[in-house]
Amino acid sequence: MPHSQSSFLPQLTGHPLLHKPELRGLLLQRLLAAAHASNATLRTLAVRGLGTVAEGAPQEVKKQRRALLAALLQAAGDAANPEVVCESLRALRKVCGHLGRPRDLRAVAGQARAYLRHADDAVRTAAFELFGQLAKATPHKQGKAWTREALAPLLLHLRDPSPTVAEACLAAFLACAPFLGLQDLVNDVSVALCKEVSGAQHSGLLGRVCHQLVHTDPALLEALTVEMPSYLHCAWDGIRLAACKLSGALLEMVGAPCLGQQDPLDPLLQSLHSLCGSPCTAVKMAATEALQLAQQRGKETLGSLATGHQGRSLLPGWFFIWRHQGSPRPA
């Protein structure tokens, strides 16, 4: 497609002539072809146009659903071009209400989830907005699996360094809460949770989520435990701080019979230990507090064993060795 035609796309997609079905179909075909072009700018314009046409002509989406979905998913996989990815995620948000097949919903959810931790604020925002829209458009039985896989970012990016991303994350979390069995915990959650300086509301929410999951979904609690170390090494201090607080809430629950084995705790505790030397004071303090809580829970468990009560050691042996080898003690 020549440059003159590519520059015409944004104008054409909003033109009144698109009320004519034959022109909508023609435009959609041209945009689908341009979405596979070698030029990244042209692909960006074409994907944006696909989203606009799909939004204004849902009947065309139904006719060309497979071709449209394939083009947008391919564009969303173009990780080397954030602008293409961002436009594709936005376009997918406009068409996801017309995707009836569970495998299509899972495919779109997978692409959205892949970008929830992206370095670009606009991409993260688009990913969370798409994830939230998917939750609204998905029947309850079909959305439970892929919402479970995104619980960690949904909880942690409520404190995203970008206020826009944090608000998009909050909207997605509220939309996903029913799939996770957490709908009763979010009735009083508002955008203030993302904006407060102290983070007290967020910490309270993390504690309530972990407390409920230990009773209703121990497997999901264990999955969170396994996933935490990667967030504890995140580049953003705000996310690392949130991950330290969520780790503390998780460790507070390990005294209950929720974890099937000790292994998930080992990398979590080691990651917290490494953050005790963080240059960020808030992160250092939160990591130290989480480790102190882990130590206290370990003492309680050992005390239970010593008095003959049923129980098991929940902290790996290296943790107690570390406490006696001169490593920095939590203050």
Protein backbone atom coordinates (compact mmCIF):
# COMPACT_ATOMS: atom_id res chain seq x y z
CA MET A 1 0.00 0.00 0.00
CA PRO A 2 1.56 3.37 -0.99
CA HIS A 3 2.29 5.99 1.64
CA SER A 4 -0.57 8.21 0.44
CA GLN A 5 -3.00 5.39 1.07
CA SER A 6 -1.56 4.62 4.50
CA SER A 7 -1.91 8.25 5.56
CA PHE A 8 -5.53 8.12 4.39
CA LEU A 9 -6.43 5.17 6.63
CA PRO A 10 -7.07 7.09 9.87
CA GLN A 11 -9.43 9.48 7.99
CA LEU A 12 -11.17 6.72 6.09
CA THR A 13 -11.97 4.65 9.16
CA GLY A 14 -14.14 7.45 10.55
CA HIS A 15 -15.79 8.46 7.28
CA PRO A 16 -19.62 8.48 7.01
CA LEU A 17 -19.39 6.35 3.88
CA LEU A 18 -18.52 3.43 6.13
CA HIS A 19 -22.21 3.16 6.90
CA LYS A 20 -22.41 1.37 3.56
CA PRO A 21 -21.79 -2.39 4.10
CA GLU A 22 -19.93 -2.89 0.81
CA LEU A 23 -17.39 -0.18 1.70
CA ARG A 24 -16.90 -1.54 5.23
CA GLY A 25 -16.06 -4.96 3.86
CA LEU A 26 -13.65 -3.50 1.31
CA LEU A 27 -11.89 -1.39 3.91
CA LEU A 28 -11.61 -4.30 6.31
CA GLN A 29 -9.94 -6.41 3.61
CA ARG A 30 -7.44 -3.64 2.85
CA LEU A 31 -6.66 -3.17 6.52
CA LEU A 32 -6.18 -6.89 7.07
CA ALA A 33 -3.65 -6.94 4.23
CA ALA A 34 -1.85 -3.86 5.56
CA ALA A 35 -1.64 -5.40 9.04
CA HIS A 36 0.92 -7.86 7.62
CA ALA A 37 3.05 -5.19 5.93
CA SER A 38 6.80 -5.05 6.56
CA ASN A 39 6.67 -1.38 7.58
CA ALA A 40 5.96 -0.97 11.32
CA THR A 41 4.25 2.41 10.90
CA LEU A 42 1.90 1.01 8.30
CA ARG A 43 1.15 -2.00 10.54
CA THR A 44 0.37 0.37 13.42
CA LEU A 45 -2.04 2.40 11.29
CA ALA A 46 -3.68 -0.72 9.88
CA VAL A 47 -4.21 -2.29 13.31
CA ARG A 48 -5.62 0.98 14.64
CA GLY A 49 -7.98 1.05 11.67
CA LEU A 50 -9.06 -2.54 12.30
CA GLY A 51 -10.04 -1.60 15.83
CA THR A 52 -11.98 1.43 14.63
CA VAL A 53 -13.86 -0.48 11.93
CA ALA A 54 -14.60 -3.33 14.34
CA GLU A 55 -15.99 -0.91 16.90
CA GLY A 56 -18.22 0.81 14.38
CA ALA A 57 -19.27 -2.27 12.44
CA PRO A 58 -19.66 -5.30 14.75
CA GLN A 59 -21.40 -7.24 11.99
CA GLU A 60 -18.15 -7.18 9.99
CA VAL A 61 -16.33 -8.60 13.01
CA LYS A 62 -18.67 -11.59 13.00
CA LYS A 63 -18.10 -12.16 9.29
CA GLN A 64 -14.32 -11.84 9.45
CA ARG A 65 -13.74 -12.97 13.04
CA ARG A 66 -11.03 -15.54 12.34
CA ALA A 67 -9.02 -13.37 9.95
CA LEU A 68 -9.36 -10.34 12.22
CA LEU A 69 -8.34 -12.25 15.34
CA ALA A 70 -5.36 -13.83 13.57
CA ALA A 71 -4.13 -10.45 12.33
CA LEU A 72 -4.48 -8.77 15.73
CA LEU A 73 -2.84 -11.63 17.64
CA GLN A 74 0.07 -11.61 15.20
CA ALA A 75 0.45 -7.86 15.66
CA ALA A 76 0.27 -8.28 19.44
CA GLY A 77 3.17 -10.70 19.20
CA ASP A 78 5.41 -8.08 17.58
CA ALA A 79 7.33 -7.42 20.80
CA ALA A 80 10.03 -5.44 19.00
CA ASN A 81 7.53 -2.69 18.14
CA PRO A 82 5.68 -1.39 21.23
CA GLU A 83 3.47 0.92 19.16
CA VAL A 84 2.18 -2.01 17.09
CA VAL A 85 1.63 -4.04 20.26
CA CYS A 86 -0.21 -1.20 21.97
CA GLU A 87 -2.58 -0.62 19.05
CA SER A 88 -3.23 -4.34 18.71
CA LEU A 89 -4.13 -4.67 22.40
CA ARG A 90 -6.49 -1.70 22.07
CA ALA A 91 -8.07 -3.21 18.97
CA LEU A 92 -8.49 -6.58 20.68
CA ARG A 93 -10.29 -4.83 23.52
CA LYS A 94 -12.83 -3.55 21.00
CA VAL A 95 -13.49 -6.96 19.45
CA CYS A 96 -13.22 -9.29 22.46
CA GLY A 97 -16.96 -9.06 23.11
CA HIS A 98 -17.52 -10.82 19.79
CA LEU A 99 -15.20 -13.75 20.52
CA GLY A 100 -17.45 -16.58 21.56
CA ARG A 101 -15.07 -19.53 21.48
CA PRO A 102 -13.21 -20.32 24.72
CA ARG A 103 -9.93 -20.97 22.90
CA ASP A 104 -10.10 -17.52 21.28
CA LEU A 105 -10.63 -15.90 24.67
CA ARG A 106 -7.73 -17.86 26.12
CA ALA A 107 -5.47 -16.79 23.25
CA VAL A 108 -6.32 -13.12 23.73
CA ALA A 109 -5.92 -13.41 27.51
CA GLY A 110 -2.49 -14.96 27.01
CA GLN A 111 -1.34 -12.05 24.87
CA ALA A 112 -2.67 -9.52 27.36
CA ARG A 113 -1.02 -11.29 30.30
CA ALA A 114 2.33 -11.31 28.47
CA TYR A 115 2.42 -7.51 28.57
CA LEU A 116 1.21 -6.79 32.11
CA ARG A 117 4.84 -6.27 33.16
CA HIS A 118 6.05 -4.49 30.00
CA ALA A 119 8.48 -1.58 30.42
CA ASP A 120 6.31 0.80 28.37
CA ASP A 121 3.52 2.46 30.39
CA ALA A 122 1.15 2.65 27.41
CA VAL A 123 1.57 -1.06 26.66
CA ARG A 124 0.92 -2.02 30.30
CA THR A 125 -2.15 0.20 30.36
CA ALA A 126 -3.53 -1.34 27.17
CA ALA A 127 -2.83 -4.85 28.49
CA PHE A 128 -4.69 -4.27 31.77
CA GLU A 129 -7.58 -2.59 29.96
CA LEU A 130 -7.84 -5.56 27.60
CA PHE A 131 -7.68 -8.01 30.51
CA GLY A 132 -10.48 -6.20 32.31
CA GLN A 133 -12.65 -6.06 29.19
CA LEU A 134 -12.09 -9.78 28.61
CA ALA A 135 -13.30 -10.53 32.14
CA LYS A 136 -16.47 -8.53 31.50
CA ALA A 137 -17.11 -10.34 28.21
CA THR A 138 -16.37 -13.89 29.41
CA PRO A 139 -18.81 -16.37 30.98
CA HIS A 140 -17.82 -17.34 34.50
CA LYS A 141 -16.84 -20.95 33.74
CA GLN A 142 -14.60 -19.93 30.84
CA GLY A 143 -12.58 -17.21 32.57
CA LYS A 144 -11.50 -18.83 35.81
CA ALA A 145 -8.26 -20.40 34.53
CA TRP A 146 -6.72 -17.38 32.85
CA THR A 147 -7.69 -14.94 35.59
CA ARG A 148 -5.96 -17.17 38.16
CA GLU A 149 -2.75 -16.96 36.14
CA ALA A 150 -2.79 -13.16 36.41
CA LEU A 151 -3.55 -12.71 40.11
CA ALA A 152 0.01 -11.65 41.03
CA PRO A 153 0.23 -8.73 38.57
CA LEU A 154 -3.39 -7.77 39.31
CA LEU A 155 -2.50 -7.39 43.00
CA LEU A 156 0.92 -5.82 42.64
CA HIS A 157 0.37 -3.32 39.83
CA LEU A 158 -2.29 -1.63 41.92
CA ARG A 159 0.84 0.20 43.12
CA ASP A 160 2.32 0.65 39.64
CA PRO A 161 4.66 3.64 39.27
CA SER A 162 2.34 4.92 36.51
CA PRO A 163 -0.99 6.20 37.93
CA THR A 164 -2.69 5.41 34.62
CA VAL A 165 -1.50 1.80 34.74
CA ALA A 166 -2.52 1.49 38.40
CA GLU A 167 -6.07 2.63 37.62
CA ALA A 168 -6.31 0.27 34.64
CA CYS A 169 -5.07 -2.53 36.90
CA LEU A 170 -7.71 -1.69 39.51
CA ALA A 171 -10.49 -1.84 36.91
CA ALA A 172 -9.17 -5.21 35.70
CA PHE A 173 -8.87 -6.56 39.24
CA LEU A 174 -12.46 -5.58 40.06
CA ALA A 175 -13.66 -7.25 36.85
CA CYS A 176 -11.68 -10.42 37.59
CA ALA A 177 -12.58 -10.67 41.29
CA PRO A 178 -15.70 -12.85 40.75
CA PHE A 179 -13.66 -15.41 38.78
CA LEU A 180 -11.23 -15.62 41.71
CA GLY A 181 -13.89 -15.87 44.40
CA LEU A 182 -12.84 -12.48 45.78
CA GLN A 183 -15.93 -10.43 44.95
CA ASP A 184 -16.86 -9.99 48.61
CA LEU A 185 -13.49 -8.37 49.32
CA VAL A 186 -13.70 -5.58 46.76
CA ASN A 187 -16.99 -3.90 47.63
CA ASP A 188 -15.21 -1.01 49.36
CA VAL A 189 -12.15 -0.86 47.08
CA SER A 190 -11.78 2.47 45.26
CA VAL A 191 -9.21 4.33 43.19
CA ALA A 192 -7.91 5.86 46.45
CA LEU A 193 -6.14 2.53 47.03
CA CYS A 194 -3.87 3.28 44.06
CA LYS A 195 -3.13 6.84 45.09
CA GLU A 196 -2.58 6.80 48.85
CA VAL A 197 1.01 7.51 49.86
CA SER A 198 1.20 5.11 52.81
CA GLY A 199 -0.09 2.05 50.93
CA ALA A 200 -2.08 1.01 54.01
CA GLN A 201 -5.25 0.23 52.06
CA HIS A 202 -3.28 -1.90 49.62
CA SER A 203 -1.56 -3.79 52.43
CA GLY A 204 -4.94 -4.46 54.02
CA LEU A 205 -6.32 -5.80 50.75
CA LEU A 206 -3.32 -8.13 50.32
CA GLY A 207 -3.86 -9.51 53.81
CA ARG A 208 -7.56 -10.10 53.22
CA VAL A 209 -6.93 -11.82 49.88
CA CYS A 210 -4.35 -14.19 51.37
CA HIS A 211 -6.56 -14.91 54.39
CA GLN A 212 -9.47 -15.86 52.15
CA LEU A 213 -7.39 -17.93 49.73
CA VAL A 214 -5.94 -20.05 52.54
CA HIS A 215 -9.48 -21.26 53.19
CA THR A 216 -10.97 -21.26 49.69
CA ASP A 217 -8.12 -21.83 47.23
CA PRO A 218 -4.83 -23.04 48.79
CA ALA A 219 -3.46 -24.01 45.37
CA LEU A 220 -3.73 -20.41 44.18
CA LEU A 221 -2.01 -19.22 47.36
CA GLU A 222 0.85 -21.60 46.63
CA ALA A 223 1.04 -20.37 43.03
CA LEU A 224 1.40 -16.81 44.34
CA THR A 225 4.21 -17.94 46.63
CA VAL A 226 6.07 -19.50 43.72
CA GLU A 227 5.65 -16.39 41.58
CA MET A 228 6.74 -13.79 44.15
CA PRO A 229 10.55 -14.03 43.75
CA SER A 230 10.39 -12.71 40.18
CA TYR A 231 8.50 -9.63 41.39
CA LEU A 232 10.89 -9.11 44.29
CA HIS A 233 13.59 -8.55 41.68
CA CYS A 234 11.48 -6.16 39.58
CA ALA A 235 13.14 -2.96 38.34
CA TRP A 236 10.48 -0.71 39.92
CA ASP A 237 10.78 0.06 43.62
CA GLY A 238 7.00 0.42 43.95
CA ILE A 239 6.37 -3.09 42.64
CA ARG A 240 9.19 -4.57 44.74
CA LEU A 241 7.72 -2.89 47.81
CA ALA A 242 4.27 -4.28 47.02
CA ALA A 243 5.82 -7.72 46.45
CA CYS A 244 7.53 -7.57 49.86
CA LYS A 245 4.22 -6.76 51.50
CA LEU A 246 2.42 -9.53 49.64
CA SER A 247 5.24 -11.91 50.64
CA GLY A 248 4.68 -10.94 54.25
CA ALA A 249 0.95 -11.63 53.92
CA LEU A 250 1.73 -15.01 52.32
CA LEU A 251 4.20 -15.95 55.06
CA GLU A 252 1.61 -15.08 57.68
CA MET A 253 -0.60 -17.78 56.18
CA VAL A 254 1.99 -20.58 55.97
CA GLY A 255 1.18 -21.77 59.46
CA ALA A 256 -2.09 -23.13 58.05
CA PRO A 257 -2.03 -26.38 56.07
CA CYS A 258 -2.02 -24.64 52.71
CA LEU A 259 1.31 -25.40 51.08
CA GLY A 260 1.83 -28.92 49.82
CA GLN A 261 5.59 -28.80 50.35
CA GLN A 262 8.36 -26.57 51.66
CA ASP A 263 10.04 -25.89 48.30
CA PRO A 264 8.07 -22.74 47.34
CA LEU A 265 9.29 -20.93 50.45
CA ASP A 266 13.00 -21.33 49.80
CA PRO A 267 13.40 -18.94 46.81
CA LEU A 268 10.91 -16.53 48.39
CA LEU A 269 12.91 -16.23 51.61
CA GLN A 270 16.21 -15.97 49.76
CA SER A 271 14.84 -13.17 47.60
CA LEU A 272 13.60 -11.30 50.67
CA HIS A 273 17.00 -11.75 52.30
CA SER A 274 18.71 -10.19 49.27
CA LEU A 275 16.47 -7.12 49.58
CA CYS A 276 17.59 -6.45 53.15
CA GLY A 277 20.47 -4.55 51.54
CA SER A 278 18.29 -2.62 49.09
CA PRO A 279 19.18 1.07 48.60
CA CYS A 280 15.45 1.83 48.79
CA THR A 281 14.65 2.26 52.48
CA ALA A 282 10.98 1.31 52.13
CA VAL A 283 11.82 -1.90 50.26
CA LYS A 284 14.53 -2.77 52.79
CA MET A 285 12.15 -2.28 55.71
CA ALA A 286 9.33 -4.27 54.10
CA ALA A 287 11.67 -7.17 53.27
CA THR A 288 13.01 -7.14 56.83
CA GLU A 289 9.51 -7.16 58.29
CA ALA A 290 8.52 -10.10 56.09
CA LEU A 291 11.58 -12.06 57.24
CA GLN A 292 10.84 -11.26 60.88
CA LEU A 293 7.34 -12.62 60.37
CA ALA A 294 8.78 -15.75 58.75
CA GLN A 295 11.09 -16.23 61.72
CA GLN A 296 8.22 -15.83 64.16
CA ARG A 297 6.09 -18.34 62.28
CA GLY A 298 9.01 -20.75 62.28
CA LYS A 299 9.40 -20.42 66.05
CA GLU A 300 5.69 -21.03 66.55
CA THR A 301 5.86 -24.18 64.44
CA LEU A 302 8.94 -25.48 66.26
CA GLY A 303 7.23 -24.74 69.57
CA SER A 304 4.23 -26.71 68.44
CA LEU A 305 6.46 -29.64 67.50
CA ALA A 306 8.27 -29.47 70.84
CA THR A 307 5.03 -29.69 72.79
CA GLY A 308 3.87 -32.70 70.80
CA HIS A 309 1.24 -30.95 68.64
CA GLN A 310 0.80 -31.98 65.06
CA GLY A 311 2.73 -29.78 62.67
CA ARG A 312 5.73 -29.54 60.43
CA SER A 313 8.73 -27.29 59.94
CA LEU A 314 7.65 -24.69 57.41
CA LEU A 315 10.97 -22.91 56.94
CA PRO A 316 13.95 -24.49 55.19
CA GLY A 317 17.04 -25.28 57.18
CA TRP A 318 19.18 -22.66 55.44
CA PHE A 319 17.04 -19.94 57.06
CA PHE A 320 18.00 -20.96 60.58
CA ILE A 321 21.65 -21.43 59.56
CA TRP A 322 21.63 -17.89 58.10
CA ARG A 323 20.34 -16.54 61.42
CA HIS A 324 23.47 -17.83 63.17
CA GLN A 325 26.16 -16.92 60.64
CA GLY A 326 26.36 -13.20 61.20
CA SER A 327 24.15 -12.10 58.32
CA PRO A 328 22.33 -8.81 58.88
CA ARG A 329 19.61 -9.28 61.45
CA PRO A 330 16.25 -7.65 60.81
CA ALA A 331 16.15 -4.51 62.89
